Amino acid sequence: MLAGMVYCVQVIAIEKLLPGSQHSTQTEQDRDCFLEMRHKYLADGSFSPMSEMISMLVYSKHIGLNAGNLGNAHWSQNKQRFYLNGWPIAISRFRKMAQDLLAETEQMLWELCWVDKEEDRVAVDLKQVVDDVTFTKQSTSFVDAPGNKLLGGLDWMLKRAMNTKGG
């Protein structure tokens, strides 16, 4: 899941810094600007959210490669508990922790987007978003597809930023 998030951030950043619709007019200066922004915000060790995500991926890979054997992990007969190194983990409590963490993370992201009230939030049904990599028409993005209802997102965000204190 985190790897997917890293991929999405990279794709969005590339599209923002080197728009596909302007591919034919991009210059060496655009490329240098992209490399500078990539080094500043998208690389490991850049003290950015992306750097943290990359570090977490590397750490999780390390754990996966060096963790104990599978004999240390097993399910109870009724599948309501998972045992890891002899310690029981109640699945219902684990699920609740994950749901609470997701809700807290969502709240923090909305605060980062300058949205304090729930009624001001934008909802996008991700099941309805169509993004097919076989659609390779230049100057076309899944954001531009009218059925995805994602048009105007940048304008919405900039408006929110301008209306905040210090914006």
N, C-alpha and C. Protein backbone atom coordinates (compact mmCIF):
# COMPACT_ATOMS: atom_id res chain seq x y z
N MET A 1 0.82 -1.19 0.00
CA MET A 1 0.00 0.00 0.00
C MET A 1 0.87 1.26 0.00
N LEU A 2 1.92 1.27 0.84
CA LEU A 2 2.80 2.43 0.88
C LEU A 2 3.54 2.58 -0.44
N ALA A 3 3.93 1.46 -1.04
CA ALA A 3 4.61 1.53 -2.33
C ALA A 3 3.69 2.15 -3.38
N GLY A 4 2.41 1.83 -3.32
CA GLY A 4 1.45 2.43 -4.24
C GLY A 4 1.33 3.93 -4.02
N MET A 5 1.35 4.34 -2.76
CA MET A 5 1.27 5.77 -2.43
C MET A 5 2.51 6.50 -2.96
N VAL A 6 3.68 5.90 -2.79
CA VAL A 6 4.91 6.51 -3.30
C VAL A 6 4.82 6.65 -4.82
N TYR A 7 4.35 5.60 -5.48
CA TYR A 7 4.20 5.65 -6.94
C TYR A 7 3.26 6.78 -7.36
N CYS A 8 2.11 6.89 -6.68
CA CYS A 8 1.14 7.94 -7.03
C CYS A 8 1.73 9.33 -6.84
N VAL A 9 2.44 9.54 -5.74
CA VAL A 9 3.07 10.84 -5.50
C VAL A 9 4.08 11.14 -6.59
N GLN A 10 4.86 10.14 -6.99
CA GLN A 10 5.85 10.36 -8.04
C GLN A 10 5.17 10.70 -9.37
N VAL A 11 4.11 10.00 -9.72
CA VAL A 11 3.40 10.26 -10.97
C VAL A 11 2.81 11.66 -10.97
N ILE A 12 2.17 12.04 -9.86
CA ILE A 12 1.56 13.37 -9.77
C ILE A 12 2.64 14.45 -9.85
N ALA A 13 3.76 14.23 -9.15
CA ALA A 13 4.85 15.22 -9.18
C ALA A 13 5.42 15.37 -10.59
N ILE A 14 5.61 14.27 -11.28
CA ILE A 14 6.16 14.33 -12.64
C ILE A 14 5.18 15.07 -13.55
N GLU A 15 3.88 14.76 -13.42
CA GLU A 15 2.89 15.44 -14.26
C GLU A 15 2.85 16.93 -13.96
N LYS A 16 3.02 17.30 -12.70
CA LYS A 16 3.00 18.72 -12.32
C LYS A 16 4.24 19.43 -12.83
N LEU A 17 5.40 18.80 -12.69
CA LEU A 17 6.66 19.45 -13.06
C LEU A 17 6.94 19.37 -14.56
N LEU A 18 6.54 18.27 -15.20
CA LEU A 18 6.75 18.09 -16.64
C LEU A 18 5.44 17.64 -17.28
N PRO A 19 4.48 18.57 -17.44
CA PRO A 19 3.16 18.18 -17.96
C PRO A 19 3.27 17.48 -19.31
N GLY A 20 2.56 16.37 -19.43
CA GLY A 20 2.57 15.60 -20.67
C GLY A 20 2.03 16.40 -21.84
N SER A 21 1.11 17.33 -21.56
CA SER A 21 0.53 18.13 -22.63
C SER A 21 1.54 19.10 -23.24
N GLN A 22 2.63 19.36 -22.53
CA GLN A 22 3.65 20.30 -23.02
C GLN A 22 4.95 19.58 -23.37
N HIS A 23 4.86 18.27 -23.56
CA HIS A 23 6.05 17.46 -23.79
C HIS A 23 6.87 17.96 -24.98
N SER A 24 6.20 18.35 -26.04
CA SER A 24 6.91 18.75 -27.25
C SER A 24 7.62 20.10 -27.10
N THR A 25 7.24 20.91 -26.11
CA THR A 25 7.85 22.23 -25.95
C THR A 25 8.79 22.31 -24.75
N GLN A 26 9.02 21.19 -24.08
CA GLN A 26 9.89 21.22 -22.90
C GLN A 26 11.35 21.38 -23.31
N THR A 27 12.06 22.13 -22.50
CA THR A 27 13.45 22.45 -22.80
C THR A 27 14.38 21.81 -21.78
N GLU A 28 15.64 22.01 -21.98
CA GLU A 28 16.65 21.53 -21.05
C GLU A 28 16.49 22.22 -19.70
N GLN A 29 16.03 23.46 -19.72
CA GLN A 29 15.79 24.21 -18.48
C GLN A 29 14.66 23.56 -17.68
N ASP A 30 13.60 23.10 -18.37
CA ASP A 30 12.51 22.39 -17.69
C ASP A 30 13.03 21.12 -17.05
N ARG A 31 13.90 20.41 -17.76
CA ARG A 31 14.48 19.17 -17.23
C ARG A 31 15.32 19.46 -16.00
N ASP A 32 16.13 20.51 -16.05
CA ASP A 32 16.97 20.88 -14.91
C ASP A 32 16.11 21.27 -13.70
N CYS A 33 15.03 22.00 -13.97
CA CYS A 33 14.10 22.39 -12.90
C CYS A 33 13.49 21.14 -12.26
N PHE A 34 13.08 20.18 -13.12
CA PHE A 34 12.52 18.92 -12.61
C PHE A 34 13.53 18.20 -11.72
N LEU A 35 14.78 18.10 -12.19
CA LEU A 35 15.80 17.40 -11.41
C LEU A 35 16.06 18.09 -10.08
N GLU A 36 16.03 19.42 -10.09
CA GLU A 36 16.24 20.18 -8.85
C GLU A 36 15.09 19.92 -7.86
N MET A 37 13.85 19.97 -8.36
CA MET A 37 12.69 19.73 -7.49
C MET A 37 12.67 18.28 -7.02
N ARG A 38 13.07 17.35 -7.88
CA ARG A 38 13.12 15.95 -7.52
C ARG A 38 14.11 15.73 -6.37
N HIS A 39 15.28 16.36 -6.50
CA HIS A 39 16.30 16.24 -5.46
C HIS A 39 15.82 16.89 -4.16
N LYS A 40 15.11 18.01 -4.29
CA LYS A 40 14.68 18.78 -3.12
C LYS A 40 13.50 18.14 -2.39
N TYR A 41 12.54 17.54 -3.14
CA TYR A 41 11.30 17.08 -2.51
C TYR A 41 11.00 15.59 -2.66
N LEU A 42 11.57 14.91 -3.65
CA LEU A 42 11.18 13.54 -3.94
C LEU A 42 12.24 12.50 -3.63
N ALA A 43 13.42 12.92 -3.22
CA ALA A 43 14.51 11.97 -3.00
C ALA A 43 14.63 11.60 -1.53
N ASP A 44 15.17 10.42 -1.29
CA ASP A 44 15.43 9.98 0.07
C ASP A 44 16.49 10.90 0.67
N GLY A 45 16.30 11.29 1.91
CA GLY A 45 17.23 12.19 2.58
C GLY A 45 16.93 13.66 2.34
N SER A 46 15.79 13.97 1.72
CA SER A 46 15.46 15.37 1.42
C SER A 46 14.65 16.03 2.53
N PHE A 47 14.42 15.34 3.63
CA PHE A 47 13.65 15.85 4.76
C PHE A 47 12.26 16.31 4.31
N SER A 48 11.63 15.52 3.49
CA SER A 48 10.29 15.80 2.98
C SER A 48 9.40 14.60 3.29
N PRO A 49 8.08 14.76 3.15
CA PRO A 49 7.19 13.61 3.35
C PRO A 49 7.55 12.43 2.45
N MET A 50 7.95 12.73 1.23
CA MET A 50 8.32 11.66 0.30
C MET A 50 9.55 10.90 0.82
N SER A 51 10.51 11.63 1.36
CA SER A 51 11.70 11.00 1.93
C SER A 51 11.31 10.06 3.07
N GLU A 52 10.37 10.49 3.90
CA GLU A 52 9.91 9.64 5.00
C GLU A 52 9.25 8.37 4.46
N MET A 53 8.42 8.51 3.41
CA MET A 53 7.77 7.33 2.85
C MET A 53 8.80 6.35 2.28
N ILE A 54 9.81 6.88 1.59
CA ILE A 54 10.84 6.02 1.02
C ILE A 54 11.60 5.32 2.15
N SER A 55 11.91 6.05 3.21
CA SER A 55 12.61 5.45 4.35
C SER A 55 11.78 4.33 4.97
N MET A 56 10.47 4.56 5.09
CA MET A 56 9.60 3.53 5.66
C MET A 56 9.55 2.29 4.76
N LEU A 57 9.56 2.50 3.45
CA LEU A 57 9.59 1.36 2.53
C LEU A 57 10.87 0.56 2.70
N VAL A 58 11.99 1.25 2.79
CA VAL A 58 13.28 0.57 2.95
C VAL A 58 13.30 -0.19 4.28
N TYR A 59 12.79 0.46 5.34
CA TYR A 59 12.76 -0.18 6.65
C TYR A 59 11.87 -1.42 6.63
N SER A 60 10.70 -1.31 6.00
CA SER A 60 9.80 -2.47 5.95
C SER A 60 10.42 -3.61 5.13
N LYS A 61 11.14 -3.26 4.09
CA LYS A 61 11.82 -4.30 3.31
C LYS A 61 12.87 -4.99 4.17
N HIS A 62 13.61 -4.20 4.94
CA HIS A 62 14.62 -4.77 5.84
C HIS A 62 13.96 -5.73 6.84
N ILE A 63 12.85 -5.32 7.42
CA ILE A 63 12.15 -6.18 8.37
C ILE A 63 11.68 -7.45 7.68
N GLY A 64 11.10 -7.30 6.50
CA GLY A 64 10.61 -8.46 5.77
C GLY A 64 11.70 -9.46 5.44
N LEU A 65 12.88 -8.96 5.12
CA LEU A 65 13.98 -9.85 4.75
C LEU A 65 14.67 -10.47 5.97
N ASN A 66 14.60 -9.78 7.11
CA ASN A 66 15.35 -10.23 8.28
C ASN A 66 14.48 -10.71 9.44
N ALA A 67 13.17 -10.71 9.27
CA ALA A 67 12.29 -11.14 10.35
C ALA A 67 12.41 -12.65 10.56
N GLY A 68 11.92 -13.07 11.72
CA GLY A 68 11.98 -14.49 12.05
C GLY A 68 11.17 -15.33 11.08
N ASN A 69 11.26 -16.65 11.27
CA ASN A 69 10.60 -17.55 10.34
C ASN A 69 9.08 -17.55 10.53
N LEU A 70 8.37 -18.15 9.59
CA LEU A 70 6.92 -18.16 9.63
C LEU A 70 6.36 -18.99 10.77
N GLY A 71 7.15 -19.86 11.38
CA GLY A 71 6.69 -20.66 12.49
C GLY A 71 6.34 -19.81 13.71
N ASN A 72 6.81 -18.59 13.73
CA ASN A 72 6.53 -17.68 14.85
C ASN A 72 5.21 -16.96 14.68
N ALA A 73 4.50 -17.20 13.60
CA ALA A 73 3.23 -16.52 13.35
C ALA A 73 2.18 -17.55 12.96
N HIS A 74 1.02 -17.48 13.64
CA HIS A 74 -0.06 -18.39 13.28
C HIS A 74 -1.40 -17.84 13.78
N TRP A 75 -2.48 -18.38 13.21
CA TRP A 75 -3.84 -17.97 13.54
C TRP A 75 -4.44 -18.91 14.59
N SER A 76 -5.37 -18.38 15.38
CA SER A 76 -6.14 -19.24 16.27
C SER A 76 -7.13 -20.04 15.41
N GLN A 77 -7.72 -21.07 16.00
CA GLN A 77 -8.65 -21.91 15.24
C GLN A 77 -9.84 -21.12 14.71
N ASN A 78 -10.36 -20.18 15.51
CA ASN A 78 -11.54 -19.42 15.08
C ASN A 78 -11.18 -18.17 14.27
N LYS A 79 -9.90 -17.95 14.01
CA LYS A 79 -9.41 -16.84 13.19
C LYS A 79 -9.68 -15.46 13.81
N GLN A 80 -9.93 -15.43 15.13
CA GLN A 80 -10.18 -14.15 15.80
C GLN A 80 -8.91 -13.59 16.44
N ARG A 81 -7.88 -14.39 16.53
CA ARG A 81 -6.60 -13.97 17.10
C ARG A 81 -5.47 -14.42 16.18
N PHE A 82 -4.46 -13.57 16.15
CA PHE A 82 -3.24 -13.88 15.41
C PHE A 82 -2.11 -13.90 16.43
N TYR A 83 -1.29 -14.91 16.39
CA TYR A 83 -0.19 -15.03 17.34
C TYR A 83 1.12 -14.74 16.63
N LEU A 84 1.87 -13.81 17.20
CA LEU A 84 3.17 -13.44 16.65
C LEU A 84 4.20 -13.57 17.76
N ASN A 85 5.14 -14.47 17.57
CA ASN A 85 6.15 -14.77 18.60
C ASN A 85 5.51 -15.10 19.95
N GLY A 86 4.38 -15.78 19.91
CA GLY A 86 3.70 -16.19 21.13
C GLY A 86 2.76 -15.16 21.72
N TRP A 87 2.76 -13.96 21.19
CA TRP A 87 1.89 -12.89 21.70
C TRP A 87 0.59 -12.87 20.90
N PRO A 88 -0.55 -12.89 21.61
CA PRO A 88 -1.84 -12.86 20.88
C PRO A 88 -2.19 -11.43 20.44
N ILE A 89 -2.72 -11.32 19.26
CA ILE A 89 -3.20 -10.04 18.73
C ILE A 89 -4.66 -10.24 18.36
N ALA A 90 -5.55 -9.53 19.08
CA ALA A 90 -6.98 -9.63 18.78
C ALA A 90 -7.25 -8.88 17.48
N ILE A 91 -7.80 -9.55 16.50
CA ILE A 91 -8.02 -8.95 15.18
C ILE A 91 -8.97 -7.77 15.29
N SER A 92 -9.99 -7.85 16.13
CA SER A 92 -10.93 -6.74 16.27
C SER A 92 -10.23 -5.49 16.79
N ARG A 93 -9.31 -5.65 17.73
CA ARG A 93 -8.57 -4.49 18.26
C ARG A 93 -7.59 -3.95 17.23
N PHE A 94 -6.98 -4.85 16.48
CA PHE A 94 -6.06 -4.42 15.42
C PHE A 94 -6.82 -3.64 14.35
N ARG A 95 -8.00 -4.15 13.96
CA ARG A 95 -8.84 -3.47 12.97
C ARG A 95 -9.23 -2.08 13.48
N LYS A 96 -9.63 -1.98 14.75
CA LYS A 96 -10.03 -0.70 15.34
C LYS A 96 -8.85 0.27 15.34
N MET A 97 -7.65 -0.24 15.67
CA MET A 97 -6.47 0.62 15.65
C MET A 97 -6.21 1.16 14.24
N ALA A 98 -6.32 0.28 13.24
CA ALA A 98 -6.09 0.71 11.86
C ALA A 98 -7.13 1.73 11.43
N GLN A 99 -8.39 1.52 11.79
CA GLN A 99 -9.45 2.46 11.43
C GLN A 99 -9.24 3.81 12.11
N ASP A 100 -8.85 3.79 13.39
CA ASP A 100 -8.59 5.05 14.11
C ASP A 100 -7.40 5.78 13.51
N LEU A 101 -6.38 5.03 13.14
CA LEU A 101 -5.20 5.64 12.52
C LEU A 101 -5.57 6.27 11.18
N LEU A 102 -6.38 5.59 10.41
CA LEU A 102 -6.83 6.12 9.13
C LEU A 102 -7.64 7.40 9.32
N ALA A 103 -8.56 7.40 10.30
CA ALA A 103 -9.37 8.59 10.56
C ALA A 103 -8.50 9.77 11.01
N GLU A 104 -7.52 9.49 11.87
CA GLU A 104 -6.63 10.55 12.33
C GLU A 104 -5.78 11.09 11.19
N THR A 105 -5.29 10.21 10.34
CA THR A 105 -4.49 10.63 9.18
C THR A 105 -5.32 11.46 8.22
N GLU A 106 -6.56 11.02 7.97
CA GLU A 106 -7.45 11.78 7.09
C GLU A 106 -7.70 13.18 7.64
N GLN A 107 -7.92 13.28 8.95
CA GLN A 107 -8.14 14.59 9.57
C GLN A 107 -6.91 15.48 9.39
N MET A 108 -5.72 14.92 9.60
CA MET A 108 -4.50 15.72 9.43
C MET A 108 -4.33 16.16 7.98
N LEU A 109 -4.65 15.29 7.02
CA LEU A 109 -4.53 15.67 5.61
C LEU A 109 -5.51 16.79 5.27
N TRP A 110 -6.74 16.72 5.79
CA TRP A 110 -7.69 17.80 5.51
C TRP A 110 -7.21 19.11 6.12
N GLU A 111 -6.60 19.05 7.30
CA GLU A 111 -6.06 20.27 7.90
C GLU A 111 -4.94 20.83 7.05
N LEU A 112 -4.13 19.94 6.45
CA LEU A 112 -3.08 20.40 5.54
C LEU A 112 -3.67 21.07 4.30
N CYS A 113 -4.89 20.67 3.94
CA CYS A 113 -5.58 21.25 2.77
C CYS A 113 -6.41 22.46 3.17
N TRP A 114 -6.22 22.98 4.37
CA TRP A 114 -6.91 24.17 4.85
C TRP A 114 -8.42 23.98 4.93
N VAL A 115 -8.87 22.79 5.29
CA VAL A 115 -10.29 22.51 5.40
C VAL A 115 -10.58 22.15 6.86
N ASP A 116 -11.32 23.04 7.55
CA ASP A 116 -11.61 22.80 8.95
C ASP A 116 -12.95 22.11 9.16
N LYS A 117 -13.94 22.47 8.34
CA LYS A 117 -15.28 21.92 8.52
C LYS A 117 -15.52 20.75 7.57
N GLU A 118 -16.20 19.73 8.10
CA GLU A 118 -16.44 18.53 7.29
C GLU A 118 -17.28 18.82 6.06
N GLU A 119 -18.19 19.78 6.15
CA GLU A 119 -19.06 20.07 5.01
C GLU A 119 -18.31 20.76 3.86
N ASP A 120 -17.11 21.28 4.14
CA ASP A 120 -16.30 21.92 3.09
C ASP A 120 -15.42 20.93 2.35
N ARG A 121 -15.41 19.69 2.78
CA ARG A 121 -14.55 18.69 2.17
C ARG A 121 -15.09 18.23 0.82
N VAL A 122 -14.15 17.88 -0.05
CA VAL A 122 -14.49 17.35 -1.36
C VAL A 122 -14.41 15.82 -1.27
N ALA A 123 -15.44 15.17 -1.76
CA ALA A 123 -15.45 13.70 -1.73
C ALA A 123 -15.34 13.17 -3.16
N VAL A 124 -14.44 12.25 -3.36
CA VAL A 124 -14.26 11.61 -4.66
C VAL A 124 -14.43 10.11 -4.46
N ASP A 125 -15.36 9.53 -5.18
CA ASP A 125 -15.56 8.09 -5.11
C ASP A 125 -14.50 7.42 -5.98
N LEU A 126 -13.47 6.90 -5.34
CA LEU A 126 -12.34 6.34 -6.09
C LEU A 126 -12.73 5.14 -6.94
N LYS A 127 -13.84 4.49 -6.60
CA LYS A 127 -14.29 3.35 -7.41
C LYS A 127 -14.78 3.82 -8.78
N GLN A 128 -15.17 5.09 -8.87
CA GLN A 128 -15.69 5.62 -10.12
C GLN A 128 -14.61 6.24 -11.01
N VAL A 129 -13.41 6.47 -10.46
CA VAL A 129 -12.33 7.09 -11.22
C VAL A 129 -11.80 6.10 -12.25
N VAL A 130 -11.71 6.56 -13.49
CA VAL A 130 -11.20 5.72 -14.58
C VAL A 130 -9.81 6.22 -14.93
N ASP A 131 -8.83 5.35 -14.79
CA ASP A 131 -7.45 5.66 -15.15
C ASP A 131 -6.88 4.42 -15.80
N ASP A 132 -6.95 4.37 -17.10
CA ASP A 132 -6.52 3.19 -17.84
C ASP A 132 -5.22 3.51 -18.56
N VAL A 133 -4.16 2.79 -18.23
CA VAL A 133 -2.86 3.06 -18.84
C VAL A 133 -2.85 2.76 -20.34
N THR A 134 -3.86 2.09 -20.84
CA THR A 134 -3.90 1.82 -22.28
C THR A 134 -4.39 3.04 -23.06
N PHE A 135 -4.93 4.04 -22.36
CA PHE A 135 -5.30 5.29 -23.01
C PHE A 135 -4.04 6.14 -23.09
N THR A 136 -3.35 6.08 -24.19
CA THR A 136 -2.04 6.74 -24.30
C THR A 136 -2.09 7.99 -25.16
N LYS A 137 -3.20 8.65 -25.18
CA LYS A 137 -3.32 9.87 -25.97
C LYS A 137 -2.57 10.99 -25.24
N GLN A 138 -1.69 11.65 -25.97
CA GLN A 138 -0.91 12.74 -25.38
C GLN A 138 -1.83 13.89 -25.01
N SER A 139 -1.47 14.63 -23.99
CA SER A 139 -2.25 15.76 -23.47
C SER A 139 -3.51 15.30 -22.76
N THR A 140 -3.60 14.04 -22.39
CA THR A 140 -4.77 13.52 -21.70
C THR A 140 -4.34 12.93 -20.37
N SER A 141 -5.09 13.25 -19.35
CA SER A 141 -4.82 12.73 -18.01
C SER A 141 -6.12 12.26 -17.40
N PHE A 142 -6.06 11.32 -16.47
CA PHE A 142 -7.28 10.87 -15.81
C PHE A 142 -7.94 12.01 -15.05
N VAL A 143 -7.17 13.03 -14.69
CA VAL A 143 -7.74 14.20 -14.01
C VAL A 143 -8.67 14.97 -14.95
N ASP A 144 -8.35 14.97 -16.25
CA ASP A 144 -9.14 15.72 -17.23
C ASP A 144 -10.41 15.00 -17.67
N ALA A 145 -10.52 13.72 -17.38
CA ALA A 145 -11.70 12.96 -17.82
C ALA A 145 -12.93 13.46 -17.06
N PRO A 146 -13.95 13.97 -17.77
CA PRO A 146 -15.12 14.56 -17.10
C PRO A 146 -15.83 13.59 -16.15
N GLY A 147 -15.86 12.32 -16.50
CA GLY A 147 -16.53 11.34 -15.66
C GLY A 147 -15.88 11.15 -14.30
N ASN A 148 -14.60 11.51 -14.19
CA ASN A 148 -13.90 11.36 -12.92
C ASN A 148 -14.19 12.49 -11.94
N LYS A 149 -14.75 13.59 -12.44
CA LYS A 149 -15.13 14.74 -11.61
C LYS A 149 -13.97 15.26 -10.77
N LEU A 150 -12.78 15.34 -11.40
CA LEU A 150 -11.60 15.84 -10.71
C LEU A 150 -11.16 17.21 -11.22
N LEU A 151 -11.84 17.72 -12.24
CA LEU A 151 -11.48 19.03 -12.77
C LEU A 151 -11.70 20.10 -11.72
N GLY A 152 -10.85 21.07 -11.69
CA GLY A 152 -11.00 22.19 -10.76
C GLY A 152 -10.39 21.95 -9.40
N GLY A 153 -9.75 20.82 -9.20
CA GLY A 153 -9.16 20.51 -7.89
C GLY A 153 -8.05 21.48 -7.52
N LEU A 154 -7.20 21.83 -8.47
CA LEU A 154 -6.12 22.77 -8.19
C LEU A 154 -6.69 24.14 -7.85
N ASP A 155 -7.70 24.58 -8.61
CA ASP A 155 -8.33 25.87 -8.31
C ASP A 155 -8.95 25.86 -6.92
N TRP A 156 -9.61 24.75 -6.57
CA TRP A 156 -10.22 24.63 -5.25
C TRP A 156 -9.17 24.76 -4.15
N MET A 157 -8.03 24.07 -4.34
CA MET A 157 -6.96 24.09 -3.34
C MET A 157 -6.34 25.48 -3.22
N LEU A 158 -6.09 26.13 -4.36
CA LEU A 158 -5.51 27.47 -4.33
C LEU A 158 -6.45 28.47 -3.66
N LYS A 159 -7.73 28.34 -3.92
CA LYS A 159 -8.73 29.20 -3.28
C LYS A 159 -8.71 29.00 -1.77
N ARG A 160 -8.63 27.74 -1.33
CA ARG A 160 -8.57 27.45 0.11
C ARG A 160 -7.32 28.09 0.71
N ALA A 161 -6.20 27.97 -0.01
CA ALA A 161 -4.93 28.51 0.51
C ALA A 161 -4.99 30.03 0.62
N MET A 162 -5.56 30.67 -0.39
CA MET A 162 -5.63 32.13 -0.40
C MET A 162 -6.57 32.68 0.68
N ASN A 163 -7.56 31.89 1.07
CA ASN A 163 -8.53 32.34 2.06
C ASN A 163 -8.12 32.05 3.50
N THR A 164 -6.94 31.48 3.69
CA THR A 164 -6.48 31.21 5.05
C THR A 164 -5.67 32.37 5.56
N LYS A 165 -5.52 32.41 6.87
CA LYS A 165 -4.72 33.46 7.49
C LYS A 165 -3.29 33.34 6.99
N GLY A 166 -2.75 34.42 6.47
CA GLY A 166 -1.39 34.40 5.93
C GLY A 166 -1.31 33.92 4.50
N GLY A 167 -2.46 33.54 3.90
CA GLY A 167 -2.48 33.02 2.53
C GLY A 167 -2.34 34.08 1.55
